[in-house]
């Protein structure tokens, strides 16, 4: 099975014109003339429109400033990278070093390709299909928009103070990896709870991730 067919099967969308999908996966280092840059531009706008409309529906009484912040937290390069990684896009992109390991694909390229694929879907299948594609992949991110707006540590702190009158307890479990690329493992617990663990590139990031995981645990009780 070709990589284009494999990706179409993965995203459950069959392109009428596979050349558009091929272009969406092609970095300028592989082809300076026929690459994903214009499709990325288009996909970014389609993504913004779909997520804006969804936030408008979910938070009809929110102020514009609050909606702007939620939107910015959902359509930035980090979120596109997260979605791109969920689709394992590094397996499908074409770059100037395509003969070398696919693990060398830069995060920015994966993030850009996520948007260019949205642009390609919009051109080939229309707005409704691209909308469904976005809402499916962004569903959990949109559900967590409120947590993103007020950072997870703050939310967990407020929850703990309200329910137990004490602050959450954070514990550094380990610090591994080389100095230029450390891995911090942190646990967090509330009164009478067990620790929930998470890993991050800094102690601060690991604490945020652990708080976020704890909030998910609370939400699914």
N, C-alpha and C. Protein backbone atom coordinates (compact mmCIF):
# COMPACT_ATOMS: atom_id res chain seq x y z
N UNK A 1 0.84 -1.19 0.00
CA UNK A 1 0.00 0.00 0.00
C UNK A 1 0.88 1.25 0.00
N UNK A 2 0.61 2.21 -0.93
CA UNK A 2 1.40 3.43 -0.98
C UNK A 2 1.14 4.27 0.27
N UNK A 3 2.08 5.19 0.56
CA UNK A 3 1.92 6.02 1.76
C UNK A 3 0.68 6.90 1.66
N UNK A 4 0.35 7.37 0.43
CA UNK A 4 -0.84 8.20 0.26
C UNK A 4 -2.11 7.41 0.57
N UNK A 5 -2.16 6.17 0.08
CA UNK A 5 -3.32 5.32 0.36
C UNK A 5 -3.42 5.01 1.86
N UNK A 6 -2.27 4.78 2.46
CA UNK A 6 -2.23 4.46 3.89
C UNK A 6 -2.76 5.61 4.73
N UNK A 7 -2.35 6.84 4.37
CA UNK A 7 -2.82 8.01 5.11
C UNK A 7 -4.32 8.22 4.90
N UNK A 8 -4.79 8.05 3.68
CA UNK A 8 -6.22 8.22 3.40
C UNK A 8 -7.05 7.21 4.20
N UNK A 9 -6.53 6.00 4.32
CA UNK A 9 -7.22 4.98 5.11
C UNK A 9 -7.23 5.39 6.59
N UNK A 10 -6.12 5.97 7.04
CA UNK A 10 -5.99 6.38 8.44
C UNK A 10 -6.97 7.49 8.79
N UNK A 11 -7.11 8.49 7.89
CA UNK A 11 -8.00 9.62 8.17
C UNK A 11 -9.43 9.38 7.67
N UNK A 12 -9.62 8.23 7.01
CA UNK A 12 -10.95 7.83 6.50
C UNK A 12 -11.51 8.84 5.50
N UNK A 13 -10.62 9.35 4.63
CA UNK A 13 -11.03 10.26 3.56
C UNK A 13 -10.36 9.82 2.27
N UNK A 14 -11.15 9.57 1.23
CA UNK A 14 -10.60 9.20 -0.09
C UNK A 14 -10.57 10.44 -0.97
N UNK A 15 -9.39 10.83 -1.40
CA UNK A 15 -9.23 12.01 -2.24
C UNK A 15 -9.59 11.70 -3.69
N UNK A 16 -10.33 12.62 -4.29
CA UNK A 16 -10.59 12.52 -5.73
C UNK A 16 -9.31 12.82 -6.50
N UNK A 17 -8.55 13.80 -6.00
CA UNK A 17 -7.29 14.19 -6.63
C UNK A 17 -6.15 14.00 -5.63
N UNK A 18 -5.45 12.87 -5.76
CA UNK A 18 -4.39 12.55 -4.80
C UNK A 18 -3.20 13.51 -4.91
N UNK A 19 -3.10 14.23 -6.04
CA UNK A 19 -1.99 15.17 -6.19
C UNK A 19 -2.06 16.29 -5.15
N UNK A 20 -3.29 16.65 -4.76
CA UNK A 20 -3.45 17.69 -3.73
C UNK A 20 -2.93 17.18 -2.40
N UNK A 21 -3.22 15.92 -2.08
CA UNK A 21 -2.71 15.34 -0.83
C UNK A 21 -1.19 15.23 -0.88
N UNK A 22 -0.66 14.81 -2.02
CA UNK A 22 0.79 14.73 -2.18
C UNK A 22 1.44 16.09 -1.95
N UNK A 23 0.85 17.13 -2.51
CA UNK A 23 1.38 18.49 -2.33
C UNK A 23 1.33 18.88 -0.85
N UNK A 24 0.26 18.49 -0.16
CA UNK A 24 0.10 18.84 1.26
C UNK A 24 1.15 18.19 2.14
N UNK A 25 1.78 17.15 1.64
CA UNK A 25 2.79 16.41 2.42
C UNK A 25 4.21 16.73 1.98
N UNK A 26 4.36 17.65 1.04
CA UNK A 26 5.67 17.93 0.44
C UNK A 26 6.27 19.22 0.96
N UNK A 27 7.43 19.11 1.59
CA UNK A 27 8.16 20.27 2.11
C UNK A 27 8.97 20.91 0.98
N UNK A 28 9.24 22.21 1.09
CA UNK A 28 9.95 22.92 0.03
C UNK A 28 11.37 22.42 -0.18
N UNK A 29 11.94 21.74 0.82
CA UNK A 29 13.28 21.17 0.65
C UNK A 29 13.25 19.99 -0.31
N UNK A 30 12.07 19.38 -0.50
CA UNK A 30 11.90 18.26 -1.43
C UNK A 30 11.51 18.75 -2.81
N UNK A 31 10.64 19.77 -2.84
CA UNK A 31 10.21 20.36 -4.11
C UNK A 31 9.94 21.85 -3.88
N UNK A 32 10.86 22.73 -4.33
CA UNK A 32 10.73 24.18 -4.09
C UNK A 32 9.51 24.80 -4.76
N UNK A 33 8.97 24.15 -5.80
CA UNK A 33 7.89 24.76 -6.58
C UNK A 33 6.50 24.22 -6.25
N UNK A 34 6.44 22.97 -5.86
CA UNK A 34 5.13 22.34 -5.63
C UNK A 34 5.12 21.73 -4.23
N UNK A 35 4.93 22.59 -3.23
CA UNK A 35 4.99 22.14 -1.84
C UNK A 35 3.76 22.62 -1.07
N UNK A 36 3.78 22.38 0.22
CA UNK A 36 2.56 22.58 1.03
C UNK A 36 2.29 24.01 1.49
N UNK A 37 3.15 24.97 1.18
CA UNK A 37 3.04 26.29 1.82
C UNK A 37 1.69 26.97 1.58
N UNK A 38 1.20 26.97 0.34
CA UNK A 38 -0.09 27.62 0.05
C UNK A 38 -1.25 26.88 0.70
N UNK A 39 -1.16 25.55 0.72
CA UNK A 39 -2.20 24.75 1.36
C UNK A 39 -2.20 24.96 2.87
N UNK A 40 -1.03 25.15 3.44
CA UNK A 40 -0.93 25.45 4.87
C UNK A 40 -1.64 26.77 5.19
N UNK A 41 -1.42 27.77 4.33
CA UNK A 41 -2.07 29.07 4.49
C UNK A 41 -3.59 28.91 4.49
N UNK A 42 -4.10 28.13 3.54
CA UNK A 42 -5.55 27.91 3.43
C UNK A 42 -6.06 27.11 4.63
N UNK A 43 -5.35 26.04 4.98
CA UNK A 43 -5.78 25.18 6.08
C UNK A 43 -5.84 25.90 7.40
N UNK A 44 -4.91 26.82 7.61
CA UNK A 44 -4.89 27.62 8.83
C UNK A 44 -6.19 28.42 8.96
N UNK A 45 -6.66 28.99 7.84
CA UNK A 45 -7.90 29.79 7.86
C UNK A 45 -9.13 28.91 8.06
N UNK A 46 -9.15 27.74 7.42
CA UNK A 46 -10.28 26.82 7.59
C UNK A 46 -10.35 26.34 9.03
N UNK A 47 -9.21 25.98 9.59
CA UNK A 47 -9.14 25.54 10.98
C UNK A 47 -9.66 26.63 11.92
N UNK A 48 -9.22 27.87 11.70
CA UNK A 48 -9.65 28.98 12.54
C UNK A 48 -11.15 29.20 12.47
N UNK A 49 -11.70 29.10 11.27
CA UNK A 49 -13.15 29.29 11.10
C UNK A 49 -13.94 28.22 11.82
N UNK A 50 -13.55 26.95 11.63
CA UNK A 50 -14.29 25.83 12.23
C UNK A 50 -14.24 25.90 13.76
N UNK A 51 -13.05 26.13 14.31
CA UNK A 51 -12.91 26.17 15.77
C UNK A 51 -13.60 27.41 16.34
N UNK A 52 -13.51 28.54 15.63
CA UNK A 52 -14.20 29.76 16.08
C UNK A 52 -15.70 29.52 16.19
N UNK A 53 -16.27 28.91 15.17
CA UNK A 53 -17.72 28.65 15.17
C UNK A 53 -18.10 27.70 16.32
N UNK A 54 -17.27 26.69 16.55
CA UNK A 54 -17.56 25.74 17.63
C UNK A 54 -17.51 26.43 18.98
N UNK A 55 -16.52 27.29 19.20
CA UNK A 55 -16.42 28.03 20.47
C UNK A 55 -17.59 28.99 20.62
N UNK A 56 -18.02 29.60 19.52
CA UNK A 56 -19.17 30.51 19.53
C UNK A 56 -20.43 29.76 19.99
N UNK A 57 -20.56 28.50 19.54
CA UNK A 57 -21.72 27.69 19.93
C UNK A 57 -21.62 27.21 21.38
N UNK A 58 -20.41 26.84 21.81
CA UNK A 58 -20.22 26.30 23.15
C UNK A 58 -20.29 27.35 24.24
N UNK A 59 -19.83 28.58 23.91
CA UNK A 59 -19.74 29.64 24.92
C UNK A 59 -20.46 30.90 24.43
N UNK A 60 -21.79 30.83 24.28
CA UNK A 60 -22.54 31.96 23.71
C UNK A 60 -22.50 33.23 24.56
N UNK A 61 -22.21 33.09 25.85
CA UNK A 61 -22.22 34.27 26.73
C UNK A 61 -20.82 34.81 27.04
N UNK A 62 -19.79 34.19 26.42
CA UNK A 62 -18.41 34.63 26.68
C UNK A 62 -18.13 35.97 26.01
N UNK A 63 -17.24 36.75 26.62
CA UNK A 63 -16.76 37.98 26.01
C UNK A 63 -15.80 37.64 24.87
N UNK A 64 -15.67 38.58 23.93
CA UNK A 64 -14.81 38.35 22.77
C UNK A 64 -13.37 38.06 23.18
N UNK A 65 -12.87 38.80 24.18
CA UNK A 65 -11.50 38.60 24.64
C UNK A 65 -11.26 37.19 25.14
N UNK A 66 -12.24 36.65 25.84
CA UNK A 66 -12.14 35.28 26.36
C UNK A 66 -12.17 34.27 25.22
N UNK A 67 -13.05 34.49 24.24
CA UNK A 67 -13.11 33.59 23.08
C UNK A 67 -11.81 33.63 22.29
N UNK A 68 -11.25 34.83 22.16
CA UNK A 68 -9.97 34.99 21.45
C UNK A 68 -8.88 34.14 22.10
N UNK A 69 -8.83 34.18 23.44
CA UNK A 69 -7.80 33.42 24.15
C UNK A 69 -8.01 31.92 23.98
N UNK A 70 -9.26 31.49 24.04
CA UNK A 70 -9.55 30.08 23.84
C UNK A 70 -9.15 29.65 22.43
N UNK A 71 -9.49 30.48 21.44
CA UNK A 71 -9.15 30.16 20.06
C UNK A 71 -7.64 30.05 19.89
N UNK A 72 -6.92 31.03 20.43
CA UNK A 72 -5.45 31.04 20.31
C UNK A 72 -4.84 29.80 20.95
N UNK A 73 -5.47 29.31 22.02
CA UNK A 73 -4.93 28.13 22.70
C UNK A 73 -5.21 26.84 21.93
N UNK A 74 -6.11 26.90 20.95
CA UNK A 74 -6.52 25.68 20.23
C UNK A 74 -5.96 25.56 18.82
N UNK A 75 -5.58 26.68 18.20
CA UNK A 75 -5.15 26.62 16.80
C UNK A 75 -3.69 27.02 16.63
N UNK A 76 -2.91 27.00 17.70
CA UNK A 76 -1.50 27.35 17.59
C UNK A 76 -0.68 26.17 17.07
N UNK A 77 0.61 26.43 16.83
CA UNK A 77 1.49 25.41 16.25
C UNK A 77 1.65 24.19 17.16
N UNK A 78 1.63 24.41 18.47
CA UNK A 78 1.77 23.28 19.39
C UNK A 78 0.60 22.32 19.30
N UNK A 79 -0.62 22.88 19.18
CA UNK A 79 -1.80 22.02 19.06
C UNK A 79 -1.80 21.29 17.72
N UNK A 80 -1.39 21.99 16.66
CA UNK A 80 -1.30 21.34 15.35
C UNK A 80 -0.26 20.23 15.36
N UNK A 81 0.83 20.44 16.09
CA UNK A 81 1.85 19.40 16.24
C UNK A 81 1.27 18.20 16.98
N UNK A 82 0.50 18.47 18.02
CA UNK A 82 -0.12 17.40 18.80
C UNK A 82 -1.04 16.55 17.92
N UNK A 83 -1.85 17.23 17.12
CA UNK A 83 -2.75 16.51 16.21
C UNK A 83 -1.96 15.79 15.13
N UNK A 84 -0.94 16.48 14.58
CA UNK A 84 -0.09 15.86 13.56
C UNK A 84 0.59 14.60 14.06
N UNK A 85 1.03 14.63 15.31
CA UNK A 85 1.67 13.44 15.89
C UNK A 85 0.66 12.32 16.12
N UNK A 86 -0.58 12.70 16.42
CA UNK A 86 -1.62 11.67 16.62
C UNK A 86 -1.90 10.92 15.31
N UNK A 87 -1.62 11.59 14.18
CA UNK A 87 -1.78 10.96 12.86
C UNK A 87 -0.46 10.36 12.36
N UNK A 88 0.59 10.52 13.18
CA UNK A 88 1.93 10.03 12.81
C UNK A 88 2.37 10.58 11.45
N UNK A 89 2.20 11.90 11.27
CA UNK A 89 2.48 12.51 9.97
C UNK A 89 3.93 12.40 9.53
N UNK A 90 4.85 12.27 10.49
CA UNK A 90 6.27 12.18 10.10
C UNK A 90 6.53 10.96 9.22
N UNK A 91 5.63 9.99 9.29
CA UNK A 91 5.76 8.79 8.46
C UNK A 91 5.42 9.08 6.99
N UNK A 92 4.68 10.18 6.76
CA UNK A 92 4.15 10.43 5.42
C UNK A 92 4.75 11.63 4.69
N UNK A 93 5.43 12.53 5.41
CA UNK A 93 5.91 13.76 4.78
C UNK A 93 7.12 13.49 3.89
N UNK A 94 7.26 14.35 2.87
CA UNK A 94 8.40 14.28 1.95
C UNK A 94 9.28 15.50 2.18
N UNK A 95 10.51 15.25 2.61
CA UNK A 95 11.47 16.34 2.82
C UNK A 95 12.74 16.05 2.04
N UNK A 96 13.63 17.03 2.02
CA UNK A 96 14.90 16.86 1.29
C UNK A 96 15.73 15.72 1.80
N UNK A 97 15.52 15.32 3.07
CA UNK A 97 16.27 14.20 3.63
C UNK A 97 15.38 12.97 3.80
N UNK A 98 14.45 12.78 2.86
CA UNK A 98 13.49 11.68 2.97
C UNK A 98 14.16 10.30 3.01
N UNK A 99 15.40 10.23 2.48
CA UNK A 99 16.08 8.93 2.48
C UNK A 99 16.62 8.58 3.87
N UNK A 100 16.74 9.61 4.73
CA UNK A 100 17.21 9.35 6.09
C UNK A 100 16.00 9.03 6.98
N UNK A 101 16.28 8.83 8.24
CA UNK A 101 15.23 8.42 9.18
C UNK A 101 14.09 9.43 9.23
N UNK A 102 12.86 8.92 9.23
CA UNK A 102 11.69 9.79 9.36
C UNK A 102 11.64 10.46 10.73
N UNK A 103 12.40 9.91 11.68
CA UNK A 103 12.42 10.51 13.01
C UNK A 103 13.08 11.88 13.02
N UNK A 104 13.78 12.23 11.91
CA UNK A 104 14.48 13.51 11.84
C UNK A 104 13.57 14.66 11.39
N UNK A 105 12.31 14.37 11.06
CA UNK A 105 11.40 15.40 10.60
C UNK A 105 11.14 16.41 11.73
N UNK A 106 11.34 17.70 11.42
CA UNK A 106 11.20 18.74 12.43
C UNK A 106 9.73 18.88 12.87
N UNK A 107 9.56 19.30 14.12
CA UNK A 107 8.21 19.51 14.66
C UNK A 107 7.43 20.53 13.84
N UNK A 108 8.12 21.60 13.39
CA UNK A 108 7.44 22.65 12.62
C UNK A 108 6.85 22.08 11.33
N UNK A 109 7.55 21.16 10.69
CA UNK A 109 7.06 20.56 9.45
C UNK A 109 5.80 19.74 9.73
N UNK A 110 5.80 18.98 10.81
CA UNK A 110 4.62 18.19 11.18
C UNK A 110 3.43 19.10 11.46
N UNK A 111 3.69 20.18 12.20
CA UNK A 111 2.64 21.15 12.51
C UNK A 111 2.10 21.79 11.23
N UNK A 112 3.00 22.22 10.35
CA UNK A 112 2.59 22.84 9.08
C UNK A 112 1.78 21.87 8.23
N UNK A 113 2.21 20.62 8.19
CA UNK A 113 1.52 19.61 7.37
C UNK A 113 0.11 19.33 7.89
N UNK A 114 -0.05 19.42 9.18
CA UNK A 114 -1.39 19.25 9.76
C UNK A 114 -2.34 20.27 9.14
N UNK A 115 -1.89 21.52 9.05
CA UNK A 115 -2.72 22.58 8.46
C UNK A 115 -2.87 22.41 6.95
N UNK A 116 -1.79 22.00 6.28
CA UNK A 116 -1.86 21.86 4.82
C UNK A 116 -2.81 20.72 4.43
N UNK A 117 -2.88 19.68 5.23
CA UNK A 117 -3.82 18.58 4.96
C UNK A 117 -5.26 19.07 5.09
N UNK A 118 -5.51 19.92 6.08
CA UNK A 118 -6.84 20.52 6.22
C UNK A 118 -7.18 21.33 4.96
N UNK A 119 -6.21 22.11 4.46
CA UNK A 119 -6.41 22.86 3.23
C UNK A 119 -6.69 21.95 2.04
N UNK A 120 -5.96 20.84 1.98
CA UNK A 120 -6.15 19.88 0.88
C UNK A 120 -7.53 19.24 0.94
N UNK A 121 -7.97 18.87 2.15
CA UNK A 121 -9.30 18.27 2.31
C UNK A 121 -10.38 19.26 1.90
N UNK A 122 -10.19 20.52 2.29
CA UNK A 122 -11.16 21.57 1.93
C UNK A 122 -11.28 21.70 0.41
N UNK A 123 -10.15 21.72 -0.28
CA UNK A 123 -10.17 21.87 -1.74
C UNK A 123 -10.76 20.64 -2.43
N UNK A 124 -10.44 19.46 -1.92
CA UNK A 124 -10.84 18.23 -2.62
C UNK A 124 -12.24 17.76 -2.23
N UNK A 125 -12.63 17.96 -0.96
CA UNK A 125 -13.89 17.40 -0.47
C UNK A 125 -14.91 18.44 -0.01
N UNK A 126 -14.48 19.71 0.12
CA UNK A 126 -15.42 20.74 0.53
C UNK A 126 -15.40 21.04 2.03
N UNK A 127 -16.20 22.03 2.41
CA UNK A 127 -16.16 22.53 3.79
C UNK A 127 -16.67 21.53 4.80
N UNK A 128 -17.77 20.85 4.53
CA UNK A 128 -18.37 19.96 5.53
C UNK A 128 -17.45 18.81 5.92
N UNK A 129 -16.75 18.25 4.93
CA UNK A 129 -15.82 17.14 5.22
C UNK A 129 -14.63 17.64 6.03
N UNK A 130 -14.11 18.81 5.64
CA UNK A 130 -12.98 19.37 6.39
C UNK A 130 -13.42 19.75 7.81
N UNK A 131 -14.63 20.24 7.95
CA UNK A 131 -15.17 20.57 9.28
C UNK A 131 -15.25 19.32 10.16
N UNK A 132 -15.79 18.24 9.61
CA UNK A 132 -15.90 16.98 10.36
C UNK A 132 -14.53 16.45 10.77
N UNK A 133 -13.58 16.56 9.85
CA UNK A 133 -12.21 16.12 10.11
C UNK A 133 -11.61 16.89 11.28
N UNK A 134 -11.77 18.20 11.26
CA UNK A 134 -11.21 19.06 12.32
C UNK A 134 -11.88 18.77 13.66
N UNK A 135 -13.20 18.74 13.68
CA UNK A 135 -13.92 18.56 14.95
C UNK A 135 -13.65 17.20 15.58
N UNK A 136 -13.41 16.21 14.75
CA UNK A 136 -13.07 14.87 15.26
C UNK A 136 -11.70 14.90 15.95
N UNK A 137 -10.72 15.52 15.28
CA UNK A 137 -9.36 15.52 15.82
C UNK A 137 -9.16 16.53 16.95
N UNK A 138 -9.96 17.58 16.95
CA UNK A 138 -9.83 18.62 17.98
C UNK A 138 -10.85 18.45 19.12
N UNK A 139 -11.63 17.38 19.06
CA UNK A 139 -12.72 17.21 20.03
C UNK A 139 -12.24 17.31 21.48
N UNK A 140 -11.23 16.53 21.84
CA UNK A 140 -10.74 16.54 23.23
C UNK A 140 -10.07 17.86 23.57
N UNK A 141 -9.38 18.46 22.60
CA UNK A 141 -8.71 19.74 22.85
C UNK A 141 -9.74 20.83 23.12
N UNK A 142 -10.85 20.81 22.36
CA UNK A 142 -11.90 21.80 22.57
C UNK A 142 -12.58 21.58 23.92
N UNK A 143 -12.78 20.31 24.29
CA UNK A 143 -13.38 20.00 25.60
C UNK A 143 -12.52 20.53 26.73
N UNK A 144 -11.20 20.54 26.51
CA UNK A 144 -10.27 21.00 27.55
C UNK A 144 -9.95 22.48 27.43
N UNK A 145 -10.68 23.21 26.58
CA UNK A 145 -10.36 24.63 26.35
C UNK A 145 -10.43 25.44 27.63
N UNK A 146 -11.37 25.11 28.50
CA UNK A 146 -11.51 25.84 29.76
C UNK A 146 -10.29 25.61 30.65
N UNK A 147 -9.79 24.37 30.66
CA UNK A 147 -8.61 24.04 31.44
C UNK A 147 -7.38 24.75 30.89
N UNK A 148 -7.34 24.88 29.57
CA UNK A 148 -6.20 25.56 28.93
C UNK A 148 -6.23 27.04 29.25
N UNK A 149 -7.43 27.61 29.27
CA UNK A 149 -7.58 29.05 29.50
C UNK A 149 -7.08 29.42 30.89
N UNK A 150 -7.48 28.66 31.90
CA UNK A 150 -6.92 28.80 33.25
C UNK A 150 -6.01 27.59 33.43
N UNK A 151 -4.70 27.81 33.62
CA UNK A 151 -3.76 26.69 33.59
C UNK A 151 -4.10 25.63 34.62
N UNK A 152 -3.66 24.41 34.33
CA UNK A 152 -4.07 23.24 35.10
C UNK A 152 -3.67 23.32 36.57
N UNK A 153 -2.48 23.84 36.86
CA UNK A 153 -2.04 23.94 38.25
C UNK A 153 -2.96 24.86 39.05
N UNK A 154 -3.35 25.96 38.43
CA UNK A 154 -4.26 26.91 39.10
C UNK A 154 -5.61 26.26 39.35
N UNK A 155 -6.12 25.55 38.33
CA UNK A 155 -7.41 24.88 38.48
C UNK A 155 -7.39 23.84 39.60
N UNK A 156 -6.31 23.05 39.63
CA UNK A 156 -6.21 22.01 40.64
C UNK A 156 -6.06 22.62 42.03
N UNK A 157 -5.30 23.72 42.11
CA UNK A 157 -5.14 24.42 43.39
C UNK A 157 -6.49 24.92 43.91
N UNK A 158 -7.28 25.52 43.02
CA UNK A 158 -8.60 26.03 43.41
C UNK A 158 -9.51 24.89 43.87
N UNK A 159 -9.44 23.76 43.16
CA UNK A 159 -10.27 22.60 43.51
C UNK A 159 -9.87 22.07 44.88
N UNK A 160 -8.56 21.96 45.13
CA UNK A 160 -8.06 21.42 46.39
C UNK A 160 -8.41 22.33 47.57
N UNK A 161 -8.24 23.63 47.38
CA UNK A 161 -8.55 24.58 48.46
C UNK A 161 -10.04 24.59 48.78
N UNK A 162 -10.84 24.49 47.72
CA UNK A 162 -12.29 24.52 47.90
C UNK A 162 -12.78 23.26 48.64
N UNK A 163 -12.20 22.10 48.29
CA UNK A 163 -12.70 20.84 48.83
C UNK A 163 -11.97 20.35 50.08
N UNK A 164 -10.67 20.68 50.19
CA UNK A 164 -9.88 20.12 51.30
C UNK A 164 -9.17 21.18 52.15
N UNK A 165 -9.26 22.44 51.71
CA UNK A 165 -8.65 23.56 52.45
C UNK A 165 -7.11 23.47 52.52
N UNK A 166 -6.50 22.65 51.67
CA UNK A 166 -5.03 22.58 51.59
C UNK A 166 -4.60 22.58 50.13
N UNK A 167 -3.33 22.90 49.89
CA UNK A 167 -2.80 22.93 48.54
C UNK A 167 -2.46 21.52 48.04
N UNK A 168 -2.47 21.32 46.72
CA UNK A 168 -2.00 20.03 46.18
C UNK A 168 -0.54 19.79 46.58
N UNK A 169 -0.16 18.52 46.66
CA UNK A 169 1.22 18.15 47.02
C UNK A 169 1.93 17.63 45.77
N UNK A 170 3.01 18.31 45.38
CA UNK A 170 3.81 17.90 44.22
C UNK A 170 5.09 17.23 44.70
N UNK A 171 5.50 16.18 44.00
CA UNK A 171 6.70 15.45 44.38
C UNK A 171 7.52 15.12 43.12
N UNK A 172 8.81 15.51 43.13
CA UNK A 172 9.69 15.17 42.02
C UNK A 172 10.12 13.72 42.17
N UNK A 173 9.79 12.91 41.17
CA UNK A 173 10.09 11.48 41.23
C UNK A 173 11.47 11.18 40.65
N UNK A 174 11.77 11.78 39.51
CA UNK A 174 13.06 11.53 38.87
C UNK A 174 13.41 12.64 37.90
N UNK A 175 14.70 12.76 37.63
CA UNK A 175 15.24 13.69 36.64
C UNK A 175 16.27 12.93 35.83
N UNK A 176 15.87 12.50 34.63
CA UNK A 176 16.75 11.66 33.82
C UNK A 176 17.04 12.34 32.48
N UNK A 177 17.87 11.70 31.68
CA UNK A 177 18.21 12.23 30.36
C UNK A 177 19.40 13.17 30.43
N UNK A 178 19.97 13.50 29.26
CA UNK A 178 21.11 14.42 29.20
C UNK A 178 20.73 15.83 29.61
N UNK A 179 21.72 16.65 29.96
CA UNK A 179 21.45 18.01 30.46
C UNK A 179 20.71 18.86 29.43
N UNK A 180 21.01 18.64 28.13
CA UNK A 180 20.37 19.45 27.09
C UNK A 180 18.96 18.96 26.77
N UNK A 181 18.60 17.76 27.25
CA UNK A 181 17.26 17.23 26.97
C UNK A 181 16.78 16.42 28.19
N UNK A 182 16.55 17.10 29.32
CA UNK A 182 16.16 16.38 30.54
C UNK A 182 14.72 15.89 30.50
N UNK A 183 14.45 14.91 31.34
CA UNK A 183 13.12 14.35 31.50
C UNK A 183 12.76 14.37 32.98
N UNK A 184 11.77 15.16 33.34
CA UNK A 184 11.34 15.25 34.74
C UNK A 184 10.05 14.45 34.92
N UNK A 185 10.03 13.62 35.93
CA UNK A 185 8.80 12.90 36.29
C UNK A 185 8.32 13.45 37.62
N UNK A 186 7.07 13.90 37.64
CA UNK A 186 6.50 14.54 38.82
C UNK A 186 5.18 13.87 39.17
N UNK A 187 4.91 13.77 40.47
CA UNK A 187 3.62 13.26 40.93
C UNK A 187 2.87 14.35 41.68
N UNK A 188 1.56 14.30 41.62
CA UNK A 188 0.75 15.24 42.39
C UNK A 188 -0.38 14.47 43.07
N UNK A 189 -0.71 14.88 44.29
CA UNK A 189 -1.82 14.25 45.01
C UNK A 189 -2.57 15.30 45.80
N UNK A 190 -3.80 14.99 46.10
CA UNK A 190 -4.61 15.81 46.99
C UNK A 190 -4.82 15.03 48.29
N UNK A 191 -5.47 15.63 49.22
CA UNK A 191 -5.73 14.97 50.50
C UNK A 191 -6.48 13.65 50.26
N UNK A 192 -5.97 12.59 50.83
CA UNK A 192 -6.58 11.25 50.76
C UNK A 192 -6.59 10.65 49.36
N UNK A 193 -5.77 11.17 48.45
CA UNK A 193 -5.72 10.58 47.10
C UNK A 193 -4.36 9.92 46.89
N UNK A 194 -4.25 9.15 45.81
CA UNK A 194 -2.97 8.60 45.40
C UNK A 194 -2.32 9.57 44.41
N UNK A 195 -1.03 9.39 44.18
CA UNK A 195 -0.32 10.26 43.25
C UNK A 195 -0.74 9.97 41.81
N UNK A 196 -0.79 11.04 41.03
CA UNK A 196 -0.94 10.94 39.58
C UNK A 196 0.35 11.48 38.98
N UNK A 197 0.92 10.77 38.01
CA UNK A 197 2.25 11.10 37.51
C UNK A 197 2.22 11.63 36.08
N UNK A 198 3.23 12.44 35.76
CA UNK A 198 3.39 12.94 34.39
C UNK A 198 4.86 13.28 34.16
N UNK A 199 5.23 13.38 32.90
CA UNK A 199 6.61 13.67 32.51
C UNK A 199 6.65 14.96 31.70
N UNK A 200 7.72 15.75 31.88
CA UNK A 200 7.88 16.98 31.12
C UNK A 200 9.34 17.32 30.92
N UNK A 201 9.59 18.28 30.02
CA UNK A 201 10.97 18.68 29.72
C UNK A 201 11.55 19.60 30.79
N UNK A 202 10.71 20.05 31.72
CA UNK A 202 11.15 20.82 32.88
C UNK A 202 10.25 20.43 34.05
N UNK A 203 10.70 20.77 35.25
CA UNK A 203 9.89 20.45 36.42
C UNK A 203 8.54 21.16 36.34
N UNK A 204 8.58 22.42 35.88
CA UNK A 204 7.35 23.22 35.75
C UNK A 204 6.38 22.57 34.76
N UNK A 205 6.88 22.16 33.60
CA UNK A 205 6.03 21.52 32.60
C UNK A 205 5.45 20.20 33.11
N UNK A 206 6.30 19.45 33.82
CA UNK A 206 5.83 18.16 34.37
C UNK A 206 4.73 18.37 35.40
N UNK A 207 4.87 19.43 36.22
CA UNK A 207 3.83 19.73 37.22
C UNK A 207 2.53 20.12 36.54
N UNK A 208 2.62 20.92 35.47
CA UNK A 208 1.41 21.30 34.72
C UNK A 208 0.73 20.06 34.13
N UNK A 209 1.55 19.15 33.57
CA UNK A 209 1.00 17.94 32.96
C UNK A 209 0.37 17.04 34.01
N UNK A 210 1.02 16.93 35.17
CA UNK A 210 0.47 16.10 36.24
C UNK A 210 -0.85 16.67 36.75
N UNK A 211 -0.90 18.00 36.88
CA UNK A 211 -2.15 18.65 37.31
C UNK A 211 -3.25 18.42 36.29
N UNK A 212 -2.89 18.51 35.01
CA UNK A 212 -3.86 18.28 33.93
C UNK A 212 -4.40 16.86 33.97
N UNK A 213 -3.52 15.88 34.21
CA UNK A 213 -3.95 14.48 34.30
C UNK A 213 -4.87 14.27 35.50
N UNK A 214 -4.55 14.94 36.61
CA UNK A 214 -5.40 14.81 37.80
C UNK A 214 -6.79 15.38 37.54
N UNK A 215 -6.84 16.53 36.83
CA UNK A 215 -8.12 17.14 36.51
C UNK A 215 -8.97 16.22 35.63
N UNK A 216 -8.31 15.52 34.70
CA UNK A 216 -9.04 14.56 33.84
C UNK A 216 -9.60 13.44 34.69
N UNK A 217 -8.82 13.00 35.67
CA UNK A 217 -9.26 11.93 36.56
C UNK A 217 -10.50 12.36 37.35
N UNK A 218 -10.47 13.60 37.83
CA UNK A 218 -11.62 14.15 38.57
C UNK A 218 -12.85 14.22 37.67
N UNK A 219 -12.63 14.68 36.43
CA UNK A 219 -13.73 14.88 35.49
C UNK A 219 -14.42 13.56 35.14
N UNK A 220 -13.64 12.47 35.11
CA UNK A 220 -14.19 11.17 34.68
C UNK A 220 -14.67 10.31 35.83
N UNK A 221 -14.68 10.88 37.03
CA UNK A 221 -15.17 10.11 38.19
C UNK A 221 -16.66 9.81 38.04
